[in-house]
């Protein structure tokens, strides 16, 4: 089986695990992850963070936590790439492709913003900090364009033994779950 087949099978498994999680369990783990983030000594500078979907670690409290403390940017899909929009407590959002709430406002390239931290969505990850995305490559292309601390947030159910990797896949610098924070030397 080639790596793309391995990834496809792993994505099916992880989607099934996520579908079986209760909303209470997702909320419980999300709250623990938020508390871990608040205690981290993160580099100064702007932060890029995604608006979570129902199947992902809830990022609303994380976004709220960083507003007023540093510049906060949310990604918007632009063709095959990600652009960033600076947000504040008054930002307006509209549902975009895949049901993601995207902010309205000036779209900036990652190179213009140069966020020091990017909290990235994932479908799965392993303890070597290899990330499995949803297969569109948006974040791998984004990471080619900007030097940023790559942080993944994962439910325990999303951490697997091994994520198959290709040359274009960019590993995380940090993986935060309800039970631990794993880091890679940069």
C-alpha atoms as a PDB file:
ATOM      1  CA  UNK A   1       0.000   0.000   0.000  1.00  0.00           C
ATOM      2  CA  UNK A   2       1.417   3.415  -0.905  1.00  0.00           C
ATOM      3  CA  UNK A   3       1.477   6.409   1.445  1.00  0.00           C
ATOM      4  CA  UNK A   4      -1.569   8.077  -0.117  1.00  0.00           C
ATOM      5  CA  UNK A   5      -3.592   4.892   0.479  1.00  0.00           C
ATOM      6  CA  UNK A   6      -2.227   4.698   4.027  1.00  0.00           C
ATOM      7  CA  UNK A   7      -3.275   8.317   4.611  1.00  0.00           C
ATOM      8  CA  UNK A   8      -6.713   7.686   3.134  1.00  0.00           C
ATOM      9  CA  UNK A   9      -7.287   4.700   5.439  1.00  0.00           C
ATOM     10  CA  UNK A  10      -6.005   6.638   8.457  1.00  0.00           C
ATOM     11  CA  UNK A  11      -8.296   9.579   7.626  1.00  0.00           C
ATOM     12  CA  UNK A  12     -11.304   7.199   7.540  1.00  0.00           C
ATOM     13  CA  UNK A  13     -10.317   5.720  10.913  1.00  0.00           C
ATOM     14  CA  UNK A  14      -9.835   9.132  12.527  1.00  0.00           C
ATOM     15  CA  UNK A  15     -13.086  10.535  11.126  1.00  0.00           C
ATOM     16  CA  UNK A  16     -14.867   7.510  12.602  1.00  0.00           C
ATOM     17  CA  UNK A  17     -13.215   8.063  16.006  1.00  0.00           C
ATOM     18  CA  UNK A  18     -14.196  11.731  15.984  1.00  0.00           C
ATOM     19  CA  UNK A  19     -17.784  10.909  15.010  1.00  0.00           C
ATOM     20  CA  UNK A  20     -18.026   8.582  18.030  1.00  0.00           C
ATOM     21  CA  UNK A  21     -16.859  11.226  20.521  1.00  0.00           C
ATOM     22  CA  UNK A  22     -19.560  12.861  22.629  1.00  0.00           C
ATOM     23  CA  UNK A  23     -19.881  16.633  22.675  1.00  0.00           C
ATOM     24  CA  UNK A  24     -19.211  16.531  26.432  1.00  0.00           C
ATOM     25  CA  UNK A  25     -15.933  14.680  25.882  1.00  0.00           C
ATOM     26  CA  UNK A  26     -14.882  17.134  23.157  1.00  0.00           C
ATOM     27  CA  UNK A  27     -15.676  20.046  25.494  1.00  0.00           C
ATOM     28  CA  UNK A  28     -13.806  18.443  28.404  1.00  0.00           C
ATOM     29  CA  UNK A  29     -10.657  17.826  26.367  1.00  0.00           C
ATOM     30  CA  UNK A  30     -10.870  21.245  24.657  1.00  0.00           C
ATOM     31  CA  UNK A  31     -11.002  22.979  28.060  1.00  0.00           C
ATOM     32  CA  UNK A  32      -7.878  21.119  29.245  1.00  0.00           C
ATOM     33  CA  UNK A  33      -6.046  22.083  26.042  1.00  0.00           C
ATOM     34  CA  UNK A  34      -7.003  25.753  26.488  1.00  0.00           C
ATOM     35  CA  UNK A  35      -5.581  25.695  30.030  1.00  0.00           C
ATOM     36  CA  UNK A  36      -2.319  24.187  28.753  1.00  0.00           C
ATOM     37  CA  UNK A  37      -1.998  26.914  26.084  1.00  0.00           C
ATOM     38  CA  UNK A  38      -2.555  29.661  28.662  1.00  0.00           C
ATOM     39  CA  UNK A  39       0.387  28.321  30.707  1.00  0.00           C
ATOM     40  CA  UNK A  40       2.846  28.042  27.800  1.00  0.00           C
ATOM     41  CA  UNK A  41       5.743  30.426  27.369  1.00  0.00           C
ATOM     42  CA  UNK A  42       5.169  31.229  23.692  1.00  0.00           C
ATOM     43  CA  UNK A  43       7.257  33.564  21.520  1.00  0.00           C
ATOM     44  CA  UNK A  44       5.947  37.113  21.216  1.00  0.00           C
ATOM     45  CA  UNK A  45       4.391  38.329  17.981  1.00  0.00           C
ATOM     46  CA  UNK A  46       1.248  37.648  16.019  1.00  0.00           C
ATOM     47  CA  UNK A  47      -0.677  34.403  16.145  1.00  0.00           C
ATOM     48  CA  UNK A  48      -2.597  32.671  13.366  1.00  0.00           C
ATOM     49  CA  UNK A  49      -5.367  30.385  14.614  1.00  0.00           C
ATOM     50  CA  UNK A  50      -8.210  28.648  12.844  1.00  0.00           C
ATOM     51  CA  UNK A  51     -11.923  28.820  13.629  1.00  0.00           C
ATOM     52  CA  UNK A  52     -12.695  25.252  14.648  1.00  0.00           C
ATOM     53  CA  UNK A  53     -15.327  22.971  13.188  1.00  0.00           C
ATOM     54  CA  UNK A  54     -17.517  20.767  15.419  1.00  0.00           C
ATOM     55  CA  UNK A  55     -15.149  17.809  14.894  1.00  0.00           C
ATOM     56  CA  UNK A  56     -12.067  19.773  16.046  1.00  0.00           C
ATOM     57  CA  UNK A  57     -10.653  20.999  19.348  1.00  0.00           C
ATOM     58  CA  UNK A  58     -12.721  24.109  20.121  1.00  0.00           C
ATOM     59  CA  UNK A  59     -10.580  27.195  19.457  1.00  0.00           C
ATOM     60  CA  UNK A  60     -13.085  29.912  20.461  1.00  0.00           C
ATOM     61  CA  UNK A  61     -11.674  30.323  23.988  1.00  0.00           C
ATOM     62  CA  UNK A  62      -8.122  30.343  22.622  1.00  0.00           C
ATOM     63  CA  UNK A  63      -8.969  33.116  20.157  1.00  0.00           C
ATOM     64  CA  UNK A  64     -10.705  35.050  22.943  1.00  0.00           C
ATOM     65  CA  UNK A  65      -7.703  34.556  25.241  1.00  0.00           C
ATOM     66  CA  UNK A  66      -5.223  36.014  22.740  1.00  0.00           C
ATOM     67  CA  UNK A  67      -7.390  38.966  21.611  1.00  0.00           C
ATOM     68  CA  UNK A  68      -5.998  42.078  23.273  1.00  0.00           C
ATOM     69  CA  UNK A  69      -2.769  40.266  24.199  1.00  0.00           C
ATOM     70  CA  UNK A  70      -1.310  40.080  20.672  1.00  0.00           C
ATOM     71  CA  UNK A  71      -2.329  40.469  17.041  1.00  0.00           C
ATOM     72  CA  UNK A  72      -4.644  37.600  16.104  1.00  0.00           C
ATOM     73  CA  UNK A  73      -5.112  36.435  12.515  1.00  0.00           C
ATOM     74  CA  UNK A  74      -7.504  33.859  11.133  1.00  0.00           C
ATOM     75  CA  UNK A  75      -6.931  32.056   7.858  1.00  0.00           C
ATOM     76  CA  UNK A  76      -9.177  32.383   4.835  1.00  0.00           C
ATOM     77  CA  UNK A  77      -8.992  30.104   1.821  1.00  0.00           C
ATOM     78  CA  UNK A  78      -7.968  31.854  -1.379  1.00  0.00           C
ATOM     79  CA  UNK A  79      -7.814  29.370  -4.264  1.00  0.00           C
ATOM     80  CA  UNK A  80      -5.171  26.833  -3.242  1.00  0.00           C
ATOM     81  CA  UNK A  81      -3.640  29.053  -0.586  1.00  0.00           C
ATOM     82  CA  UNK A  82      -4.319  30.563   2.805  1.00  0.00           C
ATOM     83  CA  UNK A  83      -4.445  34.306   3.382  1.00  0.00           C
ATOM     84  CA  UNK A  84      -4.754  35.915   6.808  1.00  0.00           C
ATOM     85  CA  UNK A  85      -7.251  38.411   8.203  1.00  0.00           C
ATOM     86  CA  UNK A  86      -6.548  40.317  11.418  1.00  0.00           C
ATOM     87  CA  UNK A  87      -9.450  39.953  13.848  1.00  0.00           C
ATOM     88  CA  UNK A  88     -10.665  41.668  16.998  1.00  0.00           C
ATOM     89  CA  UNK A  89     -13.693  41.319  19.264  1.00  0.00           C
ATOM     90  CA  UNK A  90     -15.861  43.176  16.713  1.00  0.00           C
ATOM     91  CA  UNK A  91     -14.890  41.118  13.654  1.00  0.00           C
ATOM     92  CA  UNK A  92     -17.679  39.778  11.477  1.00  0.00           C
ATOM     93  CA  UNK A  93     -17.704  36.267  10.042  1.00  0.00           C
ATOM     94  CA  UNK A  94     -19.381  34.461   7.168  1.00  0.00           C
ATOM     95  CA  UNK A  95     -19.668  30.750   6.486  1.00  0.00           C
ATOM     96  CA  UNK A  96     -17.287  29.795   3.693  1.00  0.00           C
ATOM     97  CA  UNK A  97     -16.272  26.597   1.939  1.00  0.00           C
ATOM     98  CA  UNK A  98     -16.481  23.427   4.088  1.00  0.00           C
ATOM     99  CA  UNK A  99     -18.638  25.266   6.640  1.00  0.00           C
ATOM    100  CA  UNK A 100     -15.708  27.222   8.095  1.00  0.00           C
ATOM    101  CA  UNK A 101     -16.469  30.632   9.620  1.00  0.00           C
ATOM    102  CA  UNK A 102     -14.107  33.065   7.922  1.00  0.00           C
ATOM    103  CA  UNK A 103     -13.605  36.663   9.037  1.00  0.00           C
ATOM    104  CA  UNK A 104     -14.255  39.552   6.695  1.00  0.00           C
ATOM    105  CA  UNK A 105     -11.572  42.170   6.323  1.00  0.00           C
ATOM    106  CA  UNK A 106      -8.345  42.854   4.510  1.00  0.00           C
ATOM    107  CA  UNK A 107      -6.679  39.671   3.302  1.00  0.00           C
ATOM    108  CA  UNK A 108      -2.932  39.609   3.857  1.00  0.00           C
ATOM    109  CA  UNK A 109      -0.304  37.159   2.686  1.00  0.00           C
ATOM    110  CA  UNK A 110       1.453  35.103   5.387  1.00  0.00           C
ATOM    111  CA  UNK A 111       4.702  36.736   4.235  1.00  0.00           C
ATOM    112  CA  UNK A 112       3.259  40.187   5.071  1.00  0.00           C
ATOM    113  CA  UNK A 113       2.010  39.114   8.504  1.00  0.00           C
ATOM    114  CA  UNK A 114       4.833  36.746   9.518  1.00  0.00           C
ATOM    115  CA  UNK A 115       2.956  35.284  12.508  1.00  0.00           C
ATOM    116  CA  UNK A 116       5.370  33.933  15.097  1.00  0.00           C
ATOM    117  CA  UNK A 117       2.863  31.184  16.018  1.00  0.00           C
ATOM    118  CA  UNK A 118       0.401  29.219  13.921  1.00  0.00           C
ATOM    119  CA  UNK A 119      -2.130  26.967  15.590  1.00  0.00           C
ATOM    120  CA  UNK A 120      -2.976  24.520  12.859  1.00  0.00           C
ATOM    121  CA  UNK A 121      -5.906  22.167  12.419  1.00  0.00           C
ATOM    122  CA  UNK A 122      -5.284  18.465  12.012  1.00  0.00           C
ATOM    123  CA  UNK A 123      -7.125  15.222  11.585  1.00  0.00           C
ATOM    124  CA  UNK A 124      -4.420  13.236  13.357  1.00  0.00           C
ATOM    125  CA  UNK A 125      -0.861  13.323  14.621  1.00  0.00           C
ATOM    126  CA  UNK A 126       1.756  11.003  16.062  1.00  0.00           C
ATOM    127  CA  UNK A 127       4.141  11.519  18.982  1.00  0.00           C
ATOM    128  CA  UNK A 128       6.939  12.339  16.522  1.00  0.00           C
ATOM    129  CA  UNK A 129       4.820  15.429  15.701  1.00  0.00           C
ATOM    130  CA  UNK A 130       3.919  14.334  12.198  1.00  0.00           C
ATOM    131  CA  UNK A 131       0.589  15.898  11.253  1.00  0.00           C
ATOM    132  CA  UNK A 132      -2.170  14.408   9.139  1.00  0.00           C
ATOM    133  CA  UNK A 133      -4.324  17.114   7.597  1.00  0.00           C
ATOM    134  CA  UNK A 134      -7.501  16.685   5.643  1.00  0.00           C
ATOM    135  CA  UNK A 135      -5.642  16.164   2.388  1.00  0.00           C
ATOM    136  CA  UNK A 136      -5.874  19.517   0.623  1.00  0.00           C
ATOM    137  CA  UNK A 137      -2.314  20.658   1.511  1.00  0.00           C
ATOM    138  CA  UNK A 138      -3.290  24.213   2.509  1.00  0.00           C
ATOM    139  CA  UNK A 139      -1.177  24.286   5.642  1.00  0.00           C
ATOM    140  CA  UNK A 140       1.824  22.495   4.141  1.00  0.00           C
ATOM    141  CA  UNK A 141       1.922  25.160   1.397  1.00  0.00           C
ATOM    142  CA  UNK A 142       1.425  27.882   4.025  1.00  0.00           C
ATOM    143  CA  UNK A 143       4.355  26.504   6.075  1.00  0.00           C
ATOM    144  CA  UNK A 144       6.537  26.658   2.959  1.00  0.00           C
ATOM    145  CA  UNK A 145       5.903  30.408   2.846  1.00  0.00           C
ATOM    146  CA  UNK A 146       6.344  31.481   6.475  1.00  0.00           C
ATOM    147  CA  UNK A 147       8.651  30.585   9.366  1.00  0.00           C
ATOM    148  CA  UNK A 148       6.307  30.102  12.315  1.00  0.00           C
ATOM    149  CA  UNK A 149       5.999  27.941  15.419  1.00  0.00           C
ATOM    150  CA  UNK A 150       3.612  25.192  14.266  1.00  0.00           C
ATOM    151  CA  UNK A 151       1.275  24.073  17.057  1.00  0.00           C
ATOM    152  CA  UNK A 152      -1.266  21.286  16.615  1.00  0.00           C
ATOM    153  CA  UNK A 153      -4.230  20.701  18.920  1.00  0.00           C
ATOM    154  CA  UNK A 154      -5.509  17.138  19.217  1.00  0.00           C
ATOM    155  CA  UNK A 155      -8.085  15.132  21.074  1.00  0.00           C
ATOM    156  CA  UNK A 156      -6.558  11.976  22.578  1.00  0.00           C
ATOM    157  CA  UNK A 157      -8.491  10.022  19.935  1.00  0.00           C
ATOM    158  CA  UNK A 158      -6.531  11.810  17.181  1.00  0.00           C
ATOM    159  CA  UNK A 159      -3.096  10.700  18.349  1.00  0.00           C
ATOM    160  CA  UNK A 160      -1.965   7.603  16.504  1.00  0.00           C
ATOM    161  CA  UNK A 161       1.129   5.390  16.429  1.00  0.00           C
ATOM    162  CA  UNK A 162       2.413   6.563  13.056  1.00  0.00           C
ATOM    163  CA  UNK A 163       1.378   9.165  10.468  1.00  0.00           C
ATOM    164  CA  UNK A 164       2.674   8.330   6.983  1.00  0.00           C
ATOM    165  CA  UNK A 165       4.663  11.275   5.647  1.00  0.00           C
ATOM    166  CA  UNK A 166       5.715  12.575   2.264  1.00  0.00           C
ATOM    167  CA  UNK A 167       8.418  15.108   1.431  1.00  0.00           C
ATOM    168  CA  UNK A 168       5.856  17.933   1.257  1.00  0.00           C
ATOM    169  CA  UNK A 169       4.477  17.223   4.755  1.00  0.00           C
ATOM    170  CA  UNK A 170       5.668  19.644   7.430  1.00  0.00           C
ATOM    171  CA  UNK A 171       5.933  18.318  11.004  1.00  0.00           C
ATOM    172  CA  UNK A 172       4.615  20.263  13.972  1.00  0.00           C
ATOM    173  CA  UNK A 173       6.859  22.001  16.484  1.00  0.00           C
ATOM    174  CA  UNK A 174       4.404  21.338  19.297  1.00  0.00           C
ATOM    175  CA  UNK A 175       1.409  19.043  19.835  1.00  0.00           C
ATOM    176  CA  UNK A 176      -1.022  19.793  22.646  1.00  0.00           C
ATOM    177  CA  UNK A 177      -3.570  17.260  23.868  1.00  0.00           C
ATOM    178  CA  UNK A 178      -5.589  17.093  27.079  1.00  0.00           C
ATOM    179  CA  UNK A 179      -2.891  14.941  28.692  1.00  0.00           C
ATOM    180  CA  UNK A 180       0.416  16.348  27.409  1.00  0.00           C
ATOM    181  CA  UNK A 181       2.428  18.918  25.489  1.00  0.00           C
ATOM    182  CA  UNK A 182       5.001  17.444  23.092  1.00  0.00           C
ATOM    183  CA  UNK A 183       7.695  19.678  21.603  1.00  0.00           C
ATOM    184  CA  UNK A 184      10.355  19.461  18.910  1.00  0.00           C
ATOM    185  CA  UNK A 185      13.595  21.376  18.986  1.00  0.00           C
ATOM    186  CA  UNK A 186      13.508  23.969  16.192  1.00  0.00           C
END
